[in-house]
Amino acid sequence: MDLHPKTVFEAIGGEAPLRRLVDAFYDRMDAAAAYAGIRALHPAELSGSRDKLFWFLCGWSGGPDHYVQRFGHPRLRARHLPFAIASGERDQWLGCMQEAMRQCALPEELQRRLLTAFFQTADWMRNQADSAAEPQAES
């Protein structure tokens, strides 16, 4: 029995591997047509988005609270309300992140742990009803 379980931040390996994951995520989003829907929700220049996701994930995963130090409480849902997010956008975000985790060769167990947590957050971010024709992901 591990009395000192690793934080996600420790399991990923710290800031450098987490930055690589964030960069892989945004590189994929920027290049793959499958993620055009969520790419359209971002500014043309992605460096600010990359930094904010990296800073947020550092603290969220148990590392330094870079985001909170710069901006205060993340208020994720409130900060995303201006953007139309339904199941399709949620699923694009999750698919893009899943591919980025594979590209970065995160251990399978860690990928599953992260995908479960990311799904819960991404699902909570939805602020639009799904259209009748839009397929929904399985939970």
Protein backbone atom coordinates (compact mmCIF):
# COMPACT_ATOMS: atom_id res chain seq x y z
CA MET A 1 0.00 0.00 0.00
CA ASP A 2 1.45 3.35 -1.10
CA LEU A 3 0.99 5.78 1.81
CA HIS A 4 2.34 8.61 -0.32
CA PRO A 5 0.59 8.41 -3.68
CA LYS A 6 2.08 10.55 -6.39
CA THR A 7 0.29 13.65 -7.50
CA VAL A 8 -0.55 13.84 -11.19
CA PHE A 9 2.15 16.51 -11.43
CA GLU A 10 4.74 14.08 -10.02
CA ALA A 11 3.45 11.19 -12.17
CA ILE A 12 3.82 13.30 -15.32
CA GLY A 13 7.34 14.26 -14.30
CA GLY A 14 6.99 17.94 -13.47
CA GLU A 15 6.80 21.11 -15.50
CA ALA A 16 8.81 20.18 -18.59
CA PRO A 17 6.77 17.06 -19.49
CA LEU A 18 3.54 18.90 -18.66
CA ARG A 19 4.56 21.73 -21.00
CA ARG A 20 5.26 19.15 -23.73
CA LEU A 21 1.76 17.73 -23.22
CA VAL A 22 0.16 21.17 -23.51
CA ASP A 23 2.22 21.97 -26.61
CA ALA A 24 1.30 18.61 -28.20
CA PHE A 25 -2.36 19.35 -27.46
CA TYR A 26 -2.30 22.80 -29.10
CA ASP A 27 -0.11 21.67 -32.01
CA ARG A 28 -2.62 18.92 -32.77
CA MET A 29 -5.61 21.25 -32.35
CA ASP A 30 -4.01 23.77 -34.69
CA ALA A 31 -3.20 21.21 -37.39
CA ALA A 32 -5.94 18.56 -37.38
CA ALA A 33 -9.21 19.21 -39.20
CA ALA A 34 -10.98 16.99 -36.66
CA TYR A 35 -10.46 19.73 -34.07
CA ALA A 36 -11.49 22.72 -36.19
CA GLY A 37 -14.52 23.32 -33.99
CA ILE A 38 -12.52 23.90 -30.83
CA ARG A 39 -9.71 25.63 -32.72
CA ALA A 40 -12.24 28.23 -33.87
CA LEU A 41 -12.97 29.07 -30.22
CA HIS A 42 -9.35 30.15 -29.68
CA PRO A 43 -7.47 33.26 -30.80
CA ALA A 44 -5.42 33.07 -34.00
CA GLU A 45 -2.20 33.19 -31.97
CA LEU A 46 -2.16 30.37 -29.40
CA SER A 47 0.76 31.29 -27.11
CA GLY A 48 -1.52 32.85 -24.48
CA SER A 49 -3.83 29.83 -24.53
CA ARG A 50 -0.86 27.49 -24.24
CA ASP A 51 0.51 29.38 -21.25
CA LYS A 52 -2.85 29.54 -19.47
CA LEU A 53 -3.55 25.82 -19.88
CA PHE A 54 -0.01 24.98 -18.75
CA TRP A 55 -0.24 27.26 -15.71
CA PHE A 56 -3.68 25.90 -14.84
CA LEU A 57 -2.68 22.25 -15.23
CA CYS A 58 0.43 22.75 -13.06
CA GLY A 59 -1.71 23.72 -10.08
CA TRP A 60 -4.62 21.41 -10.89
CA SER A 61 -2.25 18.45 -11.01
CA GLY A 62 -0.62 19.19 -7.65
CA GLY A 63 2.30 21.32 -8.77
CA PRO A 64 2.93 25.05 -8.47
CA ASP A 65 -0.15 27.30 -8.59
CA HIS A 66 1.09 29.45 -11.47
CA TYR A 67 -2.41 30.24 -12.74
CA VAL A 68 -3.81 31.26 -9.35
CA GLN A 69 -0.76 33.45 -8.68
CA ARG A 70 -1.37 35.32 -11.94
CA PHE A 71 -5.16 35.41 -12.23
CA GLY A 72 -6.72 34.25 -8.97
CA HIS A 73 -9.28 31.46 -8.80
CA PRO A 74 -9.64 29.75 -12.21
CA ARG A 75 -13.47 30.06 -12.33
CA LEU A 76 -13.35 27.67 -15.30
CA ARG A 77 -17.04 27.61 -16.09
CA ALA A 78 -17.43 31.38 -15.85
CA ARG A 79 -14.37 31.99 -18.03
CA HIS A 80 -15.73 29.63 -20.69
CA LEU A 81 -19.35 30.88 -20.72
CA PRO A 82 -18.72 33.26 -23.65
CA PHE A 83 -17.94 30.21 -25.82
CA ALA A 84 -20.60 27.84 -27.15
CA ILE A 85 -19.65 24.44 -25.72
CA ALA A 86 -21.83 21.41 -26.35
CA SER A 87 -20.98 17.71 -26.40
CA GLY A 88 -19.23 18.05 -29.76
CA GLU A 89 -16.76 20.63 -28.44
CA ARG A 90 -16.27 18.60 -25.27
CA ASP A 91 -15.52 15.50 -27.31
CA GLN A 92 -13.12 17.35 -29.62
CA TRP A 93 -11.21 18.71 -26.62
CA LEU A 94 -11.03 15.26 -25.02
CA GLY A 95 -10.00 13.57 -28.28
CA CYS A 96 -7.28 16.12 -28.89
CA MET A 97 -5.96 15.72 -25.33
CA GLN A 98 -6.09 11.93 -25.57
CA GLU A 99 -3.99 12.03 -28.75
CA ALA A 100 -1.55 14.45 -27.10
CA MET A 101 -1.17 12.11 -24.11
CA ARG A 102 -0.43 9.20 -26.45
CA GLN A 103 2.05 11.30 -28.42
CA CYS A 104 3.83 12.19 -25.18
CA ALA A 105 3.87 8.50 -24.22
CA LEU A 106 2.24 8.98 -20.85
CA PRO A 107 1.77 5.66 -19.06
CA GLU A 108 -1.58 4.03 -19.84
CA GLU A 109 -2.74 4.13 -16.23
CA LEU A 110 -1.98 7.85 -16.02
CA GLN A 111 -3.78 8.47 -19.32
CA ARG A 112 -6.89 6.72 -17.98
CA ARG A 113 -6.71 8.70 -14.72
CA LEU A 114 -6.36 11.98 -16.58
CA LEU A 115 -9.04 11.21 -19.16
CA THR A 116 -11.55 10.43 -16.39
CA ALA A 117 -10.78 13.71 -14.63
CA PHE A 118 -10.72 15.70 -17.88
CA PHE A 119 -14.07 14.21 -18.93
CA GLN A 120 -15.70 15.33 -15.69
CA THR A 121 -14.40 18.87 -16.10
CA ALA A 122 -15.09 19.08 -19.83
CA ASP A 123 -18.60 17.77 -19.38
CA TRP A 124 -19.25 20.35 -16.67
CA MET A 125 -18.09 23.09 -19.08
CA ARG A 126 -20.93 22.41 -21.53
CA ASN A 127 -23.23 25.41 -21.77
CA GLN A 128 -25.22 24.57 -24.91
CA ALA A 129 -27.83 21.93 -25.60
CA ASP A 130 -26.86 19.31 -28.13
CA SER A 131 -28.61 19.34 -31.49
CA ALA A 132 -30.72 16.27 -32.26
CA ALA A 133 -28.32 15.22 -35.04
CA GLU A 134 -25.15 15.53 -32.93
CA PRO A 135 -23.75 12.22 -31.62
CA GLN A 136 -22.86 12.11 -27.92
CA ALA A 137 -19.85 10.40 -26.40
CA GLU A 138 -20.21 7.51 -24.02
CA SER A 139 -19.35 8.34 -20.40
